[in-house]
């Protein structure tokens, strides 16, 4: 087994070195061509285009300053002549700077060309030497590879049998796990089919029940009650928004009893619509903020809008909402109860949630 591992390792190393050798030989050919191409005279090197943007921008800035100078009322002819001379001087200075920069760049490029040529030739010589070393290493590895092949041919047959038995055991274990997984899948499929049958039976029973006129009538009544309940919820919210805007435009310092009762019902309706519990102070305040977001504040001053929002939140803080009312609303939402306001009155009446009259309504 140890020889097999060593052989595998050496085979991999041999392949890597062969690949490296091939890549290096390609590089040698490329660099030899490159070195031949670089065997030119310095005066034949072409100078690349000089970047002149900074110099031109500087000159343009100076010219723009001259152009932007105001035209005098008197002596315009002399002023124009002076401006022409100034611009000419700027352009002359730009031309001189460009020539100097060009000469300096040419000298630098010539120096760089010599350096690149020298370095390229050094790299070529180094790569050629490295290629020779790799050829020697490849020969050595080839000899070792041949020796290992002979050693592997004489590996003990028992080691091969043990390895085969180990793999057979692993395959057997995999088959057992696969059979178990298939059994689980079949059982899951049977359960799914059973649930599907139960659902079909329940649907069939529902259709059978609805075929009875009395039950169908009750079912239709429940659906109508649910629809009417949510319509009433939207109406309470709409009435509350209207009441809030009406208060914002009247002269009163606080909500009047009728308006306050309408706004309170709107807060409860908004909470119920959003799945909040109006009996909880924090959730009721959240519903109040949602309700205020629906109010249009157009046509009123910021002071009046802030005052109206403050009064609405104060009304929310003063409200008392009972669990019994929530139970009634939940029944109505399910179509199993009538929509009632407190003790059965309208939203204009001042009542407690349990139906008893309150002195000024909503626990305030």
Protein backbone atom coordinates (compact mmCIF):
# COMPACT_ATOMS: atom_id res chain seq x y z
CA UNK A 1 0.00 0.00 0.00
CA UNK A 2 2.85 2.38 0.85
CA UNK A 3 4.44 1.77 -2.56
CA UNK A 4 1.11 2.40 -4.27
CA UNK A 5 0.77 5.75 -2.50
CA UNK A 6 4.35 6.73 -3.36
CA UNK A 7 3.82 5.70 -6.97
CA UNK A 8 0.64 7.75 -7.24
CA UNK A 9 2.43 10.73 -5.69
CA UNK A 10 5.39 10.50 -8.07
CA UNK A 11 3.12 10.08 -11.10
CA UNK A 12 1.36 13.31 -10.11
CA UNK A 13 4.67 15.12 -9.66
CA UNK A 14 5.85 13.85 -13.04
CA UNK A 15 2.74 15.19 -14.75
CA UNK A 16 3.15 18.57 -13.03
CA UNK A 17 6.80 18.87 -14.09
CA UNK A 18 5.91 17.91 -17.67
CA UNK A 19 3.26 20.62 -17.70
CA UNK A 20 5.72 23.16 -16.27
CA UNK A 21 8.30 22.13 -18.85
CA UNK A 22 5.84 22.63 -21.72
CA UNK A 23 4.85 26.05 -20.42
CA UNK A 24 8.48 27.12 -19.96
CA UNK A 25 9.45 25.94 -23.45
CA UNK A 26 6.63 28.08 -24.86
CA UNK A 27 7.92 31.03 -22.84
CA UNK A 28 11.48 30.45 -24.14
CA UNK A 29 10.27 30.62 -27.75
CA UNK A 30 8.24 33.75 -27.06
CA UNK A 31 11.09 35.49 -25.23
CA UNK A 32 13.62 34.58 -27.93
CA UNK A 33 11.34 36.23 -30.50
CA UNK A 34 10.88 39.15 -28.14
CA UNK A 35 14.66 39.51 -27.66
CA UNK A 36 15.20 39.46 -31.43
CA UNK A 37 12.53 42.12 -31.86
CA UNK A 38 14.19 44.30 -29.22
CA UNK A 39 17.57 44.19 -31.01
CA UNK A 40 17.08 47.67 -32.50
CA UNK A 41 18.83 50.99 -32.23
CA UNK A 42 17.84 53.55 -29.66
CA UNK A 43 17.05 56.18 -32.31
CA UNK A 44 14.46 53.81 -33.82
CA UNK A 45 12.37 53.77 -30.64
CA UNK A 46 9.09 55.62 -31.13
CA UNK A 47 8.09 58.13 -28.48
CA UNK A 48 4.44 57.68 -27.36
CA UNK A 49 1.96 60.54 -27.39
CA UNK A 50 2.64 63.03 -24.62
CA UNK A 51 -0.19 63.75 -22.18
CA UNK A 52 -0.66 67.51 -22.33
CA UNK A 53 -3.95 67.94 -20.48
CA UNK A 54 -2.47 69.58 -17.34
CA UNK A 55 -0.42 72.11 -19.35
CA UNK A 56 -3.31 72.91 -21.70
CA UNK A 57 -5.77 73.23 -18.81
CA UNK A 58 -3.42 75.64 -17.05
CA UNK A 59 -3.05 77.76 -20.19
CA UNK A 60 -6.79 77.70 -20.80
CA UNK A 61 -7.42 78.85 -17.26
CA UNK A 62 -5.08 81.80 -17.75
CA UNK A 63 -6.71 82.68 -21.09
CA UNK A 64 -10.17 82.43 -19.54
CA UNK A 65 -9.13 84.85 -16.81
CA UNK A 66 -8.07 87.33 -19.49
CA UNK A 67 -11.32 86.85 -21.41
CA UNK A 68 -13.44 87.23 -18.29
CA UNK A 69 -11.94 90.64 -17.47
CA UNK A 70 -14.58 93.37 -17.88
CA UNK A 71 -14.42 95.60 -20.96
CA UNK A 72 -13.57 99.17 -19.95
CA UNK A 73 -15.80 102.03 -20.99
CA UNK A 74 -12.88 104.02 -22.37
CA UNK A 75 -9.72 102.89 -24.09
CA UNK A 76 -11.20 99.70 -25.54
CA UNK A 77 -8.75 99.62 -28.44
CA UNK A 78 -5.72 99.70 -26.14
CA UNK A 79 -7.42 97.17 -23.84
CA UNK A 80 -7.97 94.74 -26.72
CA UNK A 81 -4.35 95.07 -27.81
CA UNK A 82 -3.14 94.36 -24.29
CA UNK A 83 -5.43 91.33 -24.02
CA UNK A 84 -4.13 89.99 -27.36
CA UNK A 85 -0.54 90.36 -26.18
CA UNK A 86 -1.34 88.66 -22.87
CA UNK A 87 -3.01 85.70 -24.60
CA UNK A 88 -0.12 85.44 -27.07
CA UNK A 89 2.32 85.33 -24.16
CA UNK A 90 0.28 82.57 -22.51
CA UNK A 91 0.28 80.51 -25.72
CA UNK A 92 4.02 81.05 -26.19
CA UNK A 93 4.62 79.88 -22.64
CA UNK A 94 2.43 76.81 -23.30
CA UNK A 95 4.38 75.98 -26.45
CA UNK A 96 7.69 76.20 -24.59
CA UNK A 97 6.40 74.00 -21.75
CA UNK A 98 5.12 71.38 -24.21
CA UNK A 99 8.48 71.22 -26.00
CA UNK A 100 10.36 70.85 -22.73
CA UNK A 101 8.00 68.12 -21.51
CA UNK A 102 8.33 66.30 -24.80
CA UNK A 103 12.13 66.28 -24.67
CA UNK A 104 12.12 65.13 -21.06
CA UNK A 105 9.71 62.32 -21.84
CA UNK A 106 11.77 61.19 -24.80
CA UNK A 107 14.87 60.88 -22.64
CA UNK A 108 12.97 58.86 -20.04
CA UNK A 109 11.54 56.51 -22.65
CA UNK A 110 14.98 55.89 -24.13
CA UNK A 111 16.31 54.99 -20.69
CA UNK A 112 13.33 52.69 -20.14
CA UNK A 113 13.88 51.01 -23.51
CA UNK A 114 17.47 50.16 -22.61
CA UNK A 115 16.40 48.81 -19.24
CA UNK A 116 13.63 46.65 -20.76
CA UNK A 117 15.98 45.22 -23.35
CA UNK A 118 18.60 44.34 -20.76
CA UNK A 119 16.05 42.74 -18.42
CA UNK A 120 14.43 40.75 -21.25
CA UNK A 121 17.76 39.22 -22.25
CA UNK A 122 18.52 38.33 -18.62
CA UNK A 123 15.10 36.67 -18.29
CA UNK A 124 15.65 34.70 -21.48
CA UNK A 125 18.96 33.32 -20.24
CA UNK A 126 17.42 32.42 -16.86
CA UNK A 127 14.47 30.61 -18.46
CA UNK A 128 16.72 28.66 -20.81
CA UNK A 129 18.82 27.52 -17.86
CA UNK A 130 15.67 26.60 -15.92
CA UNK A 131 14.42 24.58 -18.88
CA UNK A 132 17.65 22.56 -18.91
CA UNK A 133 17.27 21.82 -15.20
CA UNK A 134 13.67 20.69 -15.73
CA UNK A 135 14.77 18.32 -18.48
CA UNK A 136 17.26 16.72 -16.08
CA UNK A 137 14.57 16.46 -13.38
CA UNK A 138 12.16 14.91 -15.86
CA UNK A 139 14.71 12.24 -16.71
CA UNK A 140 15.26 11.42 -13.04
CA UNK A 141 11.53 11.12 -12.37
CA UNK A 142 11.09 8.89 -15.41
CA UNK A 143 13.65 6.47 -14.02
CA UNK A 144 11.96 6.47 -10.58
CA UNK A 145 8.61 5.91 -12.24
CA UNK A 146 9.88 2.81 -14.03
CA UNK A 147 11.24 1.42 -10.74
CA UNK A 148 7.90 1.96 -8.99
CA UNK A 149 6.02 0.22 -11.78
CA UNK A 150 8.14 -2.88 -11.20
CA UNK A 151 7.53 -2.69 -7.43
CA UNK A 152 3.76 -2.31 -7.80
CA UNK A 153 3.66 -5.40 -10.02
CA UNK A 154 4.90 -7.42 -7.06
CA UNK A 155 2.43 -6.07 -4.43
CA UNK A 156 0.96 -8.74 -2.12
CA UNK A 157 -2.30 -10.17 -3.49
CA UNK A 158 -3.78 -10.24 0.03
CA UNK A 159 -3.58 -6.45 0.27
CA UNK A 160 -5.63 -6.17 -2.91
CA UNK A 161 -8.21 -8.64 -1.54
CA UNK A 162 -8.52 -6.67 1.72
CA UNK A 163 -9.05 -3.47 -0.22
CA UNK A 164 -11.71 -5.15 -2.39
CA UNK A 165 -13.53 -6.50 0.67
CA UNK A 166 -13.51 -3.06 2.28
CA UNK A 167 -15.07 -1.50 -0.81
CA UNK A 168 -17.67 -4.30 -1.01
CA UNK A 169 -18.69 -3.60 2.60
CA UNK A 170 -19.04 0.11 1.85
CA UNK A 171 -21.19 -0.63 -1.20
CA UNK A 172 -23.39 -2.99 0.84
CA UNK A 173 -23.89 -0.30 3.50
CA UNK A 174 -24.86 2.21 0.82
CA UNK A 175 -27.41 -0.22 -0.64
CA UNK A 176 -28.95 -0.78 2.80
CA UNK A 177 -29.24 2.96 3.41
CA UNK A 178 -30.75 3.42 -0.04
CA UNK A 179 -33.35 0.70 0.63
CA UNK A 180 -34.24 2.37 3.94
CA UNK A 181 -34.63 5.75 2.24
CA UNK A 182 -36.88 4.21 -0.43
CA UNK A 183 -39.04 2.63 2.29
CA UNK A 184 -39.38 5.99 4.02
CA UNK A 185 -40.36 7.59 0.72
CA UNK A 186 -43.03 4.94 0.10
CA UNK A 187 -44.41 5.40 3.62
CA UNK A 188 -44.48 9.19 3.19
CA UNK A 189 -46.27 8.78 -0.13
CA UNK A 190 -48.87 6.54 1.47
CA UNK A 191 -49.44 9.09 4.25
CA UNK A 192 -49.81 11.90 1.69
CA UNK A 193 -52.32 9.84 -0.28
CA UNK A 194 -54.26 9.09 2.92
CA UNK A 195 -54.39 12.80 3.81
CA UNK A 196 -55.54 13.59 0.28
CA UNK A 197 -58.35 11.06 0.61
CA UNK A 198 -59.38 12.56 3.96
CA UNK A 199 -59.46 16.02 2.38
CA UNK A 200 -61.60 14.72 -0.48
CA UNK A 201 -63.97 13.08 2.00
CA UNK A 202 -64.22 16.29 4.04
CA UNK A 203 -64.93 18.29 0.88
CA UNK A 204 -67.56 15.75 -0.16
CA UNK A 205 -69.19 15.94 3.27
CA UNK A 206 -69.18 19.75 3.07
CA UNK A 207 -70.88 19.66 -0.34
CA UNK A 208 -73.38 17.13 1.00
CA UNK A 209 -74.16 19.33 4.02
CA UNK A 210 -74.55 22.43 1.83
CA UNK A 211 -77.02 20.54 -0.33
CA UNK A 212 -79.43 20.67 2.64
CA UNK A 213 -81.43 23.92 2.24
CA UNK A 214 -81.46 24.76 5.95
CA UNK A 215 -77.69 24.37 6.31
CA UNK A 216 -77.07 26.23 3.02
CA UNK A 217 -79.20 29.09 4.31
CA UNK A 218 -77.20 29.26 7.54
CA UNK A 219 -73.92 29.16 5.59
CA UNK A 220 -75.01 31.94 3.23
CA UNK A 221 -76.14 34.01 6.21
CA UNK A 222 -72.72 33.59 7.84
CA UNK A 223 -70.96 34.73 4.65
CA UNK A 224 -73.26 37.76 4.35
CA UNK A 225 -72.67 38.63 8.01
CA UNK A 226 -68.89 38.45 7.51
CA UNK A 227 -69.10 40.73 4.47
CA UNK A 228 -71.38 43.17 6.32
CA UNK A 229 -69.01 43.19 9.31
CA UNK A 230 -65.98 44.22 7.25
CA UNK A 231 -68.06 46.83 5.46
CA UNK A 232 -68.99 48.20 8.90
CA UNK A 233 -65.30 48.20 9.91
CA UNK A 234 -64.44 50.32 6.85
CA UNK A 235 -67.39 52.62 7.61
CA UNK A 236 -66.21 53.15 11.20
CA UNK A 237 -62.73 54.02 9.93
CA UNK A 238 -64.11 56.40 7.29
CA UNK A 239 -66.42 58.10 9.81
CA UNK A 240 -63.49 58.53 12.22
CA UNK A 241 -61.33 60.16 9.55
CA UNK A 242 -64.17 62.55 8.72
CA UNK A 243 -64.69 63.36 12.42
CA UNK A 244 -60.97 64.09 12.88
CA UNK A 245 -60.96 66.50 9.94
CA UNK A 246 -64.18 68.15 11.15
CA UNK A 247 -62.60 68.76 14.55
CA UNK A 248 -59.53 70.28 12.88
CA UNK A 249 -61.71 72.91 11.22
CA UNK A 250 -63.99 73.76 14.16
CA UNK A 251 -63.42 76.11 17.09
CA UNK A 252 -63.55 73.58 19.93
CA UNK A 253 -60.50 72.83 22.04
CA UNK A 254 -61.33 69.11 22.32
CA UNK A 255 -63.51 66.51 20.63
CA UNK A 256 -67.23 66.86 21.28
CA UNK A 257 -68.88 63.72 22.73
CA UNK A 258 -70.36 62.63 19.40
CA UNK A 259 -67.09 63.20 17.50
CA UNK A 260 -65.05 61.52 20.23
CA UNK A 261 -67.26 58.43 20.17
CA UNK A 262 -66.93 58.21 16.37
CA UNK A 263 -63.13 58.55 16.52
CA UNK A 264 -62.94 55.93 19.28
CA UNK A 265 -64.85 53.42 17.14
CA UNK A 266 -62.51 54.22 14.26
CA UNK A 267 -59.48 53.41 16.45
CA UNK A 268 -61.02 50.08 17.48
CA UNK A 269 -61.89 49.26 13.85
CA UNK A 270 -58.38 50.14 12.63
CA UNK A 271 -56.85 47.93 15.34
CA UNK A 272 -59.15 45.03 14.46
CA UNK A 273 -58.42 45.41 10.74
CA UNK A 274 -54.65 45.23 11.34
CA UNK A 275 -54.83 42.31 13.77
CA UNK A 276 -54.04 44.47 16.81
CA UNK A 277 -55.64 44.16 20.26
CA UNK A 278 -57.33 47.47 21.20
CA UNK A 279 -57.59 46.33 24.83
CA UNK A 280 -53.79 46.64 24.99
CA UNK A 281 -52.68 50.27 25.41
CA UNK A 282 -49.55 49.92 23.26
CA UNK A 283 -51.32 48.18 20.38
CA UNK A 284 -54.22 50.66 20.56
CA UNK A 285 -51.73 53.54 20.22
CA UNK A 286 -50.23 51.82 17.18
CA UNK A 287 -53.70 51.58 15.61
CA UNK A 288 -54.26 55.29 16.35
CA UNK A 289 -51.07 56.19 14.47
CA UNK A 290 -52.21 54.10 11.50
CA UNK A 291 -55.56 55.91 11.55
CA UNK A 292 -53.88 59.35 11.65
CA UNK A 293 -51.76 58.38 8.62
CA UNK A 294 -54.99 58.08 6.60
CA UNK A 295 -56.14 61.62 7.47
CA UNK A 296 -55.53 64.33 4.86
CA UNK A 297 -54.13 67.45 6.51
CA UNK A 298 -54.57 69.67 3.46
CA UNK A 299 -56.16 73.05 4.06
CA UNK A 300 -55.13 73.45 7.72
CA UNK A 301 -52.18 75.04 9.48
CA UNK A 302 -49.38 72.89 10.90
CA UNK A 303 -50.39 74.02 14.40
CA UNK A 304 -53.98 72.84 13.91
CA UNK A 305 -52.81 69.55 12.40
CA UNK A 306 -50.49 68.89 15.36
CA UNK A 307 -53.23 69.83 17.84
CA UNK A 308 -55.70 67.48 16.15
CA UNK A 309 -53.23 64.59 16.18
CA UNK A 310 -52.45 65.27 19.85
CA UNK A 311 -56.13 65.32 20.82
CA UNK A 312 -56.67 62.05 18.93
CA UNK A 313 -53.82 60.36 20.81
CA UNK A 314 -55.14 61.74 24.11
CA UNK A 315 -58.54 60.25 23.28
CA UNK A 316 -56.82 56.92 22.64
CA UNK A 317 -55.05 57.08 26.02
CA UNK A 318 -58.35 57.78 27.81
CA UNK A 319 -60.24 54.91 26.14
CA UNK A 320 -61.24 51.71 27.94
CA UNK A 321 -61.82 48.68 25.71
CA UNK A 322 -63.12 45.48 27.32
CA UNK A 323 -62.38 41.87 26.44
CA UNK A 324 -66.12 41.27 26.04
CA UNK A 325 -66.28 43.75 23.17
CA UNK A 326 -63.37 42.01 21.44
CA UNK A 327 -65.15 38.68 21.85
CA UNK A 328 -68.28 40.15 20.24
CA UNK A 329 -66.24 41.61 17.37
CA UNK A 330 -64.50 38.28 16.77
CA UNK A 331 -67.87 36.53 16.64
CA UNK A 332 -69.15 39.12 14.18
CA UNK A 333 -66.01 38.76 12.04
CA UNK A 334 -66.70 35.04 11.80
CA UNK A 335 -70.28 35.72 10.74
CA UNK A 336 -71.63 34.20 13.94
CA UNK A 337 -72.96 37.34 15.61
CA UNK A 338 -74.60 40.65 14.84
CA UNK A 339 -72.64 43.89 14.63
CA UNK A 340 -73.38 45.85 17.79
CA UNK A 341 -71.93 48.94 19.35
CA UNK A 342 -71.52 48.54 23.07
CA UNK A 343 -75.00 48.00 24.45
CA UNK A 344 -76.56 47.75 21.01
CA UNK A 345 -76.80 51.46 20.23
CA UNK A 346 -75.33 53.40 17.35
CA UNK A 347 -71.84 54.81 17.24
CA UNK A 348 -73.32 58.20 18.14
CA UNK A 349 -74.39 57.02 21.58
CA UNK A 350 -72.12 57.36 24.61
CA UNK A 351 -72.01 53.84 26.03
CA UNK A 352 -69.63 51.52 27.77
CA UNK A 353 -68.55 48.39 25.94
CA UNK A 354 -70.87 46.33 28.16
CA UNK A 355 -73.88 48.48 27.20
CA UNK A 356 -74.15 50.68 30.31
CA UNK A 357 -74.19 54.41 29.74
CA UNK A 358 -71.12 56.40 30.69
CA UNK A 359 -71.15 60.01 31.78
CA UNK A 360 -68.90 61.24 28.98
CA UNK A 361 -68.06 58.06 27.08
CA UNK A 362 -64.96 55.84 26.49
CA UNK A 363 -63.81 56.06 30.07
CA UNK A 364 -62.98 59.75 29.76
